[in-house]
């Protein structure tokens, strides 16, 4: 399968170009093939097909299709067939059993859709480098990769921003940190602090700010570290955009950081995550950063082949996990489409 490019992240990309990129990904053969594999070609009227939009909104002339309808249909379809979390955290997702042919098709599609192979940064210089938090091992790996990029010649004019939340670490995450010889606290942002100390060789932050609201969904913190021969590194924990219902998610942290750093039009921003999350988090960054601020977004996944990451193993994603993150990408693309066509950033 040929690789499917993600929506354009160039600074100032017009809405029409972003929409065209969304359309190309949504109507791509790998995604169509997955939909068909899981029964998406059921005839109209079949209960498994959903509503009338199940009359294959992804086929026919791609330029005449209703992209909003196709994204809504895919959101519903993936909720029924590819959602193994059921509202739980990612490590708690169920892992379905697939026959070898289905598992092989899922892996091939995930690769073509940009969830498997790491791609190095395209530029040598950026205004900012943004590291997205996650599970404990991911915090260590992504911050280590950011430090590697800086030391290997990637210029960062502004700051390295390490974004997380006050999500409590699980027992398994604490064990992972202990096995790696890393001392951390109780939350994801504590793990990010520990990762910065380890990767950038700093003892403590030079500046600290924040608000303890007595509720992790409403609290925030900002700690800036100043490594020698490196741009400043800011570890930021954001409040939730919907504190009555959930913790802060990726889009919340990106918006919060943009307000703190005074992101400017034309700024090229490099976002670092894991390969499996690149499509989903690239589209989130377009919606929360590129569209409102006019900056450029490039999103890359950590390269697992780097020798320095060998002691921080990343579990290989399963077919079920790839399907879950293809669903995440669909939902992120739906929100991005709403933002660029109606000015409304869906959450």
Foldseek 3Di string as FASTA:
>chain_A
DAAQDAQFQAFPDALVSSVVSLLSLLLPPLNVVLCVVQPLCDDPPPVLQPHPLSPPLSDDDSVPGDSLSSLVSLLVNLVVPQDQQPPHPPVPGDDDDDDPVSQVSLVVSLVRHFQDAWDDDPDQEFQEEEEEFDQLLQLLQRLLLVLVSLVVRRHHNAEYEYEDFFAFHDPVSVVLCVLLVFDFDTGRLRSNVRSCCVRQVFDAFPDKDWDPPVARQQIKIWTWHDGPSGHIYIRIHFHDPCSVPDHHDDLRRLLVVCVVRVQAAAGEYEYEGARNQQLLVQLSCCLNPCVVHSYGYDYTYRHCPPPVSVSSDDPDDGSSSSSNNVSSNSVSSSQSSCCSPPVHRDD
